[in-house]
C-alpha atoms as a PDB file:
ATOM      1  CA  MET A   1     112.145 100.683 113.587  1.00  0.00           C
ATOM      2  CA  LEU A   2     113.082 100.506 109.927  1.00  0.00           C
ATOM      3  CA  GLY A   3     112.941 104.272 109.703  1.00  0.00           C
ATOM      4  CA  LEU A   4     110.690 104.646 106.703  1.00  0.00           C
ATOM      5  CA  LYS A   5     110.090 108.227 105.650  1.00  0.00           C
ATOM      6  CA  SER A   6     107.364 109.644 103.474  1.00  0.00           C
ATOM      7  CA  THR A   7     108.352 110.804  99.990  1.00  0.00           C
ATOM      8  CA  ALA A   8     104.997 112.339  99.128  1.00  0.00           C
ATOM      9  CA  THR A   9     102.661 114.953 100.559  1.00  0.00           C
ATOM     10  CA  THR A  10      99.000 114.144 100.883  1.00  0.00           C
ATOM     11  CA  VAL A  11      96.528 116.857  99.872  1.00  0.00           C
ATOM     12  CA  CYS A  12      93.118 116.528 101.492  1.00  0.00           C
ATOM     13  CA  LEU A  13      90.018 118.124  99.979  1.00  0.00           C
ATOM     14  CA  TRP A  14      87.022 118.488 102.217  1.00  0.00           C
ATOM     15  CA  LEU A  15      83.651 118.560 100.500  1.00  0.00           C
ATOM     16  CA  PHE A  16      80.603 119.757 102.389  1.00  0.00           C
ATOM     17  CA  ALA A  17      77.146 118.854 101.222  1.00  0.00           C
ATOM     18  CA  THR A  18      73.675 118.618 102.626  1.00  0.00           C
ATOM     19  CA  PRO A  19      72.680 115.175 103.853  1.00  0.00           C
ATOM     20  CA  ALA A  20      70.997 113.004 101.256  1.00  0.00           C
ATOM     21  CA  VAL A  21      69.058 109.783 101.400  1.00  0.00           C
ATOM     22  CA  ALA A  22      71.111 106.923 100.005  1.00  0.00           C
ATOM     23  CA  GLN A  23      69.652 105.360  96.888  1.00  0.00           C
ATOM     24  CA  ILE A  24      70.535 102.165  95.058  1.00  0.00           C
ATOM     25  CA  ARG A  25      71.867 103.297  91.709  1.00  0.00           C
ATOM     26  CA  MET A  26      71.458  99.906  90.036  1.00  0.00           C
ATOM     27  CA  PRO A  27      68.651  97.970  91.733  1.00  0.00           C
ATOM     28  CA  PRO A  28      67.559  94.505  90.605  1.00  0.00           C
ATOM     29  CA  ILE A  29      65.802  94.522  87.239  1.00  0.00           C
ATOM     30  CA  PRO A  30      62.196  93.308  87.436  1.00  0.00           C
ATOM     31  CA  ALA A  31      61.630  90.222  85.292  1.00  0.00           C
ATOM     32  CA  SER A  32      58.983  92.064  83.314  1.00  0.00           C
ATOM     33  CA  GLN A  33      61.535  94.696  82.273  1.00  0.00           C
ATOM     34  CA  MET A  34      64.374  92.362  81.278  1.00  0.00           C
ATOM     35  CA  THR A  35      65.471  91.985  77.693  1.00  0.00           C
ATOM     36  CA  ASP A  36      65.620  88.529  76.161  1.00  0.00           C
ATOM     37  CA  ALA A  37      69.377  88.430  76.712  1.00  0.00           C
ATOM     38  CA  GLN A  38      69.003  89.422  80.370  1.00  0.00           C
ATOM     39  CA  THR A  39      66.296  86.806  80.900  1.00  0.00           C
ATOM     40  CA  GLN A  40      68.532  84.100  79.433  1.00  0.00           C
ATOM     41  CA  ALA A  41      71.527  85.257  81.502  1.00  0.00           C
ATOM     42  CA  ALA A  42      69.435  85.261  84.712  1.00  0.00           C
ATOM     43  CA  ALA A  43      68.145  81.758  83.932  1.00  0.00           C
ATOM     44  CA  ALA A  44      71.689  80.499  83.322  1.00  0.00           C
ATOM     45  CA  PHE A  45      72.752  82.057  86.628  1.00  0.00           C
ATOM     46  CA  ARG A  46      69.943  80.282  88.500  1.00  0.00           C
ATOM     47  CA  ALA A  47      70.921  76.985  86.909  1.00  0.00           C
ATOM     48  CA  ALA A  48      74.593  77.423  87.850  1.00  0.00           C
ATOM     49  CA  ARG A  49      74.208  78.932  91.332  1.00  0.00           C
ATOM     50  CA  GLY A  50      70.836  77.611  92.438  1.00  0.00           C
ATOM     51  CA  ALA A  51      69.695  81.123  93.341  1.00  0.00           C
ATOM     52  CA  GLU A  52      68.421  84.332  91.828  1.00  0.00           C
ATOM     53  CA  VAL A  53      70.965  86.900  90.637  1.00  0.00           C
ATOM     54  CA  PHE A  54      72.541  88.393  93.763  1.00  0.00           C
ATOM     55  CA  GLY A  55      75.312  90.642  95.051  1.00  0.00           C
ATOM     56  CA  PRO A  56      77.734  92.101  92.500  1.00  0.00           C
ATOM     57  CA  PHE A  57      75.985  90.247  89.679  1.00  0.00           C
ATOM     58  CA  VAL A  58      72.885  92.471  90.024  1.00  0.00           C
ATOM     59  CA  PRO A  59      74.452  95.558  88.385  1.00  0.00           C
ATOM     60  CA  LEU A  60      76.399  93.331  85.971  1.00  0.00           C
ATOM     61  CA  LEU A  61      73.111  92.040  84.591  1.00  0.00           C
ATOM     62  CA  ARG A  62      72.857  95.352  82.708  1.00  0.00           C
ATOM     63  CA  SER A  63      75.424  93.691  80.442  1.00  0.00           C
ATOM     64  CA  PRO A  64      74.261  90.047  80.270  1.00  0.00           C
ATOM     65  CA  GLN A  65      77.360  88.809  78.476  1.00  0.00           C
ATOM     66  CA  LEU A  66      79.646  90.411  81.065  1.00  0.00           C
ATOM     67  CA  MET A  67      77.645  88.941  83.961  1.00  0.00           C
ATOM     68  CA  THR A  68      77.713  85.469  82.430  1.00  0.00           C
ATOM     69  CA  ARG A  69      81.472  85.612  81.963  1.00  0.00           C
ATOM     70  CA  ALA A  70      82.012  86.992  85.473  1.00  0.00           C
ATOM     71  CA  GLU A  71      79.953  84.166  86.971  1.00  0.00           C
ATOM     72  CA  ALA A  72      81.894  81.588  84.970  1.00  0.00           C
ATOM     73  CA  MET A  73      85.220  83.106  86.038  1.00  0.00           C
ATOM     74  CA  GLY A  74      84.168  83.063  89.703  1.00  0.00           C
ATOM     75  CA  ALA A  75      83.116  79.423  89.457  1.00  0.00           C
ATOM     76  CA  TYR A  76      86.389  78.497  87.755  1.00  0.00           C
ATOM     77  CA  LEU A  77      88.546  80.265  90.341  1.00  0.00           C
ATOM     78  CA  ARG A  78      86.661  78.573  93.149  1.00  0.00           C
ATOM     79  CA  TYR A  79      86.324  75.044  91.821  1.00  0.00           C
ATOM     80  CA  ASN A  80      88.796  74.535  88.954  1.00  0.00           C
ATOM     81  CA  SER A  81      91.887  76.607  89.760  1.00  0.00           C
ATOM     82  CA  VAL A  82      95.348  75.141  90.422  1.00  0.00           C
ATOM     83  CA  LEU A  83      94.668  75.434  94.156  1.00  0.00           C
ATOM     84  CA  PRO A  84      93.428  72.217  95.762  1.00  0.00           C
ATOM     85  CA  ALA A  85      89.760  72.178  96.732  1.00  0.00           C
ATOM     86  CA  ARG A  86      90.631  72.321 100.442  1.00  0.00           C
ATOM     87  CA  LEU A  87      92.603  75.536  99.944  1.00  0.00           C
ATOM     88  CA  SER A  88      90.388  77.213  97.362  1.00  0.00           C
ATOM     89  CA  GLU A  89      87.483  76.898  99.781  1.00  0.00           C
ATOM     90  CA  VAL A  90      89.576  78.573 102.512  1.00  0.00           C
ATOM     91  CA  ILE A  91      91.053  81.466 100.502  1.00  0.00           C
ATOM     92  CA  SER A  92      88.662  84.179  99.394  1.00  0.00           C
ATOM     93  CA  ALA A  93      91.155  86.681  97.937  1.00  0.00           C
ATOM     94  CA  ILE A  94      94.792  86.523  96.813  1.00  0.00           C
ATOM     95  CA  ASN A  95      96.588  89.866  97.145  1.00  0.00           C
ATOM     96  CA  ALA A  96     100.153  89.067  96.048  1.00  0.00           C
ATOM     97  CA  ILE A  97     102.463  86.258  94.947  1.00  0.00           C
ATOM     98  CA  ALA A  98     106.226  85.752  95.295  1.00  0.00           C
ATOM     99  CA  VAL A  99     108.838  83.134  94.378  1.00  0.00           C
ATOM    100  CA  ASP A 100     111.949  82.620  96.511  1.00  0.00           C
ATOM    101  CA  SER A 101     115.423  81.476  95.450  1.00  0.00           C
ATOM    102  CA  GLU A 102     114.509  77.792  95.837  1.00  0.00           C
ATOM    103  CA  GLY A 103     111.387  78.061  93.699  1.00  0.00           C
ATOM    104  CA  THR A 104     108.895  78.010  96.560  1.00  0.00           C
ATOM    105  CA  LEU A 105     105.649  79.822  95.712  1.00  0.00           C
ATOM    106  CA  TRP A 106     104.235  82.224  98.275  1.00  0.00           C
ATOM    107  CA  ILE A 107     100.807  83.854  98.226  1.00  0.00           C
ATOM    108  CA  ALA A 108      99.475  86.685 100.371  1.00  0.00           C
ATOM    109  CA  ALA A 109      95.773  86.163 101.005  1.00  0.00           C
ATOM    110  CA  ARG A 110      92.947  87.553 103.087  1.00  0.00           C
ATOM    111  CA  GLU A 111      93.184  84.468 105.302  1.00  0.00           C
ATOM    112  CA  GLY A 112      96.989  84.641 105.750  1.00  0.00           C
ATOM    113  CA  ALA A 113     100.086  83.591 103.827  1.00  0.00           C
ATOM    114  CA  PHE A 114     100.567  80.184 102.211  1.00  0.00           C
ATOM    115  CA  ARG A 115     103.461  78.423 100.469  1.00  0.00           C
ATOM    116  CA  SER A 116     103.904  75.620  97.966  1.00  0.00           C
ATOM    117  CA  THR A 117     107.113  73.685  97.420  1.00  0.00           C
ATOM    118  CA  ASN A 118     105.756  71.561  94.562  1.00  0.00           C
ATOM    119  CA  ALA A 119     104.690  74.106  91.945  1.00  0.00           C
ATOM    120  CA  GLY A 120     101.219  74.575  93.416  1.00  0.00           C
ATOM    121  CA  ASP A 121     100.178  70.921  93.805  1.00  0.00           C
ATOM    122  CA  SER A 122      99.760  71.438  97.553  1.00  0.00           C
ATOM    123  CA  TRP A 123      99.830  74.418  99.926  1.00  0.00           C
ATOM    124  CA  GLN A 124     100.634  74.975 103.593  1.00  0.00           C
ATOM    125  CA  PRO A 125     100.252  77.986 105.926  1.00  0.00           C
ATOM    126  CA  ALA A 126     103.378  80.148 106.147  1.00  0.00           C
ATOM    127  CA  GLY A 127     104.653  79.136 109.568  1.00  0.00           C
ATOM    128  CA  THR A 128     103.791  81.393 112.491  1.00  0.00           C
ATOM    129  CA  LEU A 129     103.119  84.616 110.572  1.00  0.00           C
ATOM    130  CA  PRO A 130     100.661  86.463 112.889  1.00  0.00           C
ATOM    131  CA  LEU A 131      98.683  88.216 110.146  1.00  0.00           C
ATOM    132  CA  SER A 132      95.228  87.605 108.756  1.00  0.00           C
ATOM    133  CA  ASN A 133      94.752  89.860 105.724  1.00  0.00           C
ATOM    134  CA  VAL A 134      98.243  89.756 104.189  1.00  0.00           C
ATOM    135  CA  VAL A 135      98.416  92.436 101.481  1.00  0.00           C
ATOM    136  CA  SER A 136     102.084  92.115 100.489  1.00  0.00           C
ATOM    137  CA  ILE A 137     104.665  89.343 100.386  1.00  0.00           C
ATOM    138  CA  GLN A 138     108.066  89.673  98.740  1.00  0.00           C
ATOM    139  CA  TYR A 139     111.322  87.753  98.555  1.00  0.00           C
ATOM    140  CA  ASP A 140     114.468  89.846  98.992  1.00  0.00           C
ATOM    141  CA  PRO A 141     117.228  88.090  96.995  1.00  0.00           C
ATOM    142  CA  GLU A 142     119.955  90.416  98.289  1.00  0.00           C
ATOM    143  CA  GLN A 143     119.385  89.578 101.945  1.00  0.00           C
ATOM    144  CA  HIS A 144     117.761  86.163 101.399  1.00  0.00           C
ATOM    145  CA  ARG A 145     114.627  86.962 103.394  1.00  0.00           C
ATOM    146  CA  LEU A 146     110.867  87.028 103.054  1.00  0.00           C
ATOM    147  CA  LEU A 147     108.976  90.238 103.799  1.00  0.00           C
ATOM    148  CA  ALA A 148     105.265  90.499 104.551  1.00  0.00           C
ATOM    149  CA  ALA A 149     102.803  93.223 105.527  1.00  0.00           C
ATOM    150  CA  GLY A 150      99.172  93.151 106.610  1.00  0.00           C
ATOM    151  CA  GLU A 151      96.249  95.463 105.986  1.00  0.00           C
ATOM    152  CA  ALA A 152      95.576  96.290 109.651  1.00  0.00           C
ATOM    153  CA  SER A 153      99.200  96.361 110.836  1.00  0.00           C
ATOM    154  CA  THR A 154     102.024  98.891 110.673  1.00  0.00           C
ATOM    155  CA  GLY A 155     104.526  96.081 111.111  1.00  0.00           C
ATOM    156  CA  ILE A 156     106.967  94.629 108.592  1.00  0.00           C
ATOM    157  CA  PHE A 157     107.385  90.907 109.130  1.00  0.00           C
ATOM    158  CA  GLU A 158     110.706  89.336 108.143  1.00  0.00           C
ATOM    159  CA  SER A 159     111.682  85.665 107.884  1.00  0.00           C
ATOM    160  CA  VAL A 160     115.182  84.378 107.165  1.00  0.00           C
ATOM    161  CA  ASP A 161     114.310  80.680 107.537  1.00  0.00           C
ATOM    162  CA  ARG A 162     111.794  80.320 104.701  1.00  0.00           C
ATOM    163  CA  GLY A 163     108.751  81.218 106.745  1.00  0.00           C
ATOM    164  CA  ARG A 164     109.243  79.041 109.811  1.00  0.00           C
ATOM    165  CA  ALA A 165     109.685  82.056 112.115  1.00  0.00           C
ATOM    166  CA  TRP A 166     108.875  85.733 111.633  1.00  0.00           C
ATOM    167  CA  ARG A 167     110.332  88.871 113.215  1.00  0.00           C
ATOM    168  CA  ARG A 168     108.216  92.034 113.450  1.00  0.00           C
ATOM    169  CA  THR A 169     109.495  95.596 113.088  1.00  0.00           C
ATOM    170  CA  ASP A 170     107.221  98.628 113.280  1.00  0.00           C
ATOM    171  CA  SER A 171     107.289 101.028 110.343  1.00  0.00           C
ATOM    172  CA  GLY A 172     104.820 103.641 111.559  1.00  0.00           C
ATOM    173  CA  TRP A 173     102.582 103.227 108.485  1.00  0.00           C
ATOM    174  CA  PRO A 174     100.136 100.635 107.173  1.00  0.00           C
ATOM    175  CA  LEU A 175     101.991  99.419 104.092  1.00  0.00           C
ATOM    176  CA  ARG A 176     101.077  98.098 100.655  1.00  0.00           C
ATOM    177  CA  ASN A 177     103.275  96.688  97.869  1.00  0.00           C
ATOM    178  CA  LEU A 178     106.328  96.318 100.075  1.00  0.00           C
ATOM    179  CA  SER A 179     109.453  95.914  97.912  1.00  0.00           C
ATOM    180  CA  PRO A 180     113.215  95.668  98.539  1.00  0.00           C
ATOM    181  CA  ALA A 181     115.451  97.828  96.348  1.00  0.00           C
ATOM    182  CA  HIS A 182     119.250  97.972  96.688  1.00  0.00           C
ATOM    183  CA  GLY A 183     119.219  97.217 100.393  1.00  0.00           C
ATOM    184  CA  ARG A 184     116.335  99.560 101.176  1.00  0.00           C
ATOM    185  CA  LEU A 185     112.603  99.019 101.522  1.00  0.00           C
ATOM    186  CA  ILE A 186     109.988 100.923  99.516  1.00  0.00           C
ATOM    187  CA  ALA A 187     106.258 100.673 100.026  1.00  0.00           C
ATOM    188  CA  ALA A 188     102.986 102.392  99.235  1.00  0.00           C
ATOM    189  CA  THR A 189     100.667 103.624 101.970  1.00  0.00           C
ATOM    190  CA  PRO A 190      96.886 104.096 101.812  1.00  0.00           C
ATOM    191  CA  PHE A 191      97.031 107.845 102.497  1.00  0.00           C
ATOM    192  CA  ASP A 192     100.649 109.126 102.604  1.00  0.00           C
ATOM    193  CA  GLY A 193     102.005 108.181  99.190  1.00  0.00           C
ATOM    194  CA  LEU A 194     105.292 106.285  99.006  1.00  0.00           C
ATOM    195  CA  VAL A 195     107.550 105.663 101.970  1.00  0.00           C
ATOM    196  CA  MET A 196     111.185 104.681 101.710  1.00  0.00           C
ATOM    197  CA  GLN A 197     113.754 103.364 104.135  1.00  0.00           C
ATOM    198  CA  PRO A 198     116.597 105.909 104.593  1.00  0.00           C
ATOM    199  CA  GLU A 199     119.784 105.011 102.761  1.00  0.00           C
ATOM    200  CA  MET A 200     121.890 105.004 105.924  1.00  0.00           C
ATOM    201  CA  THR A 201     120.235 102.945 108.651  1.00  0.00           C
ATOM    202  CA  THR A 202     122.528 102.060 111.504  1.00  0.00           C
ATOM    203  CA  GLN A 203     120.066 100.732 114.065  1.00  0.00           C
ATOM    204  CA  VAL A 204     116.812  98.856 114.008  1.00  0.00           C
ATOM    205  CA  ASN A 205     114.519  99.498 116.945  1.00  0.00           C
ATOM    206  CA  GLU A 206     111.574  97.190 117.478  1.00  0.00           C
ATOM    207  CA  GLY A 207     108.271  98.421 118.787  1.00  0.00           C
ATOM    208  CA  ALA A 208     105.865 101.206 118.078  1.00  0.00           C
ATOM    209  CA  GLY A 209     106.973 104.549 116.761  1.00  0.00           C
ATOM    210  CA  ASP A 210     105.986 107.475 114.623  1.00  0.00           C
ATOM    211  CA  GLY A 211     108.070 106.340 111.641  1.00  0.00           C
ATOM    212  CA  ASN A 212     110.144 109.564 111.485  1.00  0.00           C
ATOM    213  CA  GLN A 213     113.434 108.232 112.850  1.00  0.00           C
END
């Protein structure tokens, strides 16, 4: 394994409370209780989306201007971004972006990793990377390699041939924001703070492990 070790101690606080019935803190606003601005914003939403205000836009309607701008931003990102329509319809969330030494763009997305060799005019899946929700992708200029990590995996995936093939090494932690630094790897974890590759690593063992070697 890469031998990542934790550099932080997690403190857990346990809170005990009596069970409570869940309540919707910001339910839909009845039409009869809307302000003029909210009524206009809801009408504009119906015209743009062909539906009543739904999902995350329901609480945003408390601030009509904010909801209108959020709806417009969502529509722009989906239909008018630099991603081609075929790709923007496939990708629902972009988690990270990287640029390698040859200028290739790489994005880590919920649906996998993708690359563009023509400044974003077209995109292709990143080879055989066996990850779905890719949360981190980085280019390591010192060792000329790509590094990727996924939300539901403790593996670090490495490619030295620009994404055509990937090699997996287990770290022992689910990782976020994986970054190379002076020959070592540093990453954040959801619950254990930062983890760092030891300065002197003489052997890399593949497979599962507890991450303490």
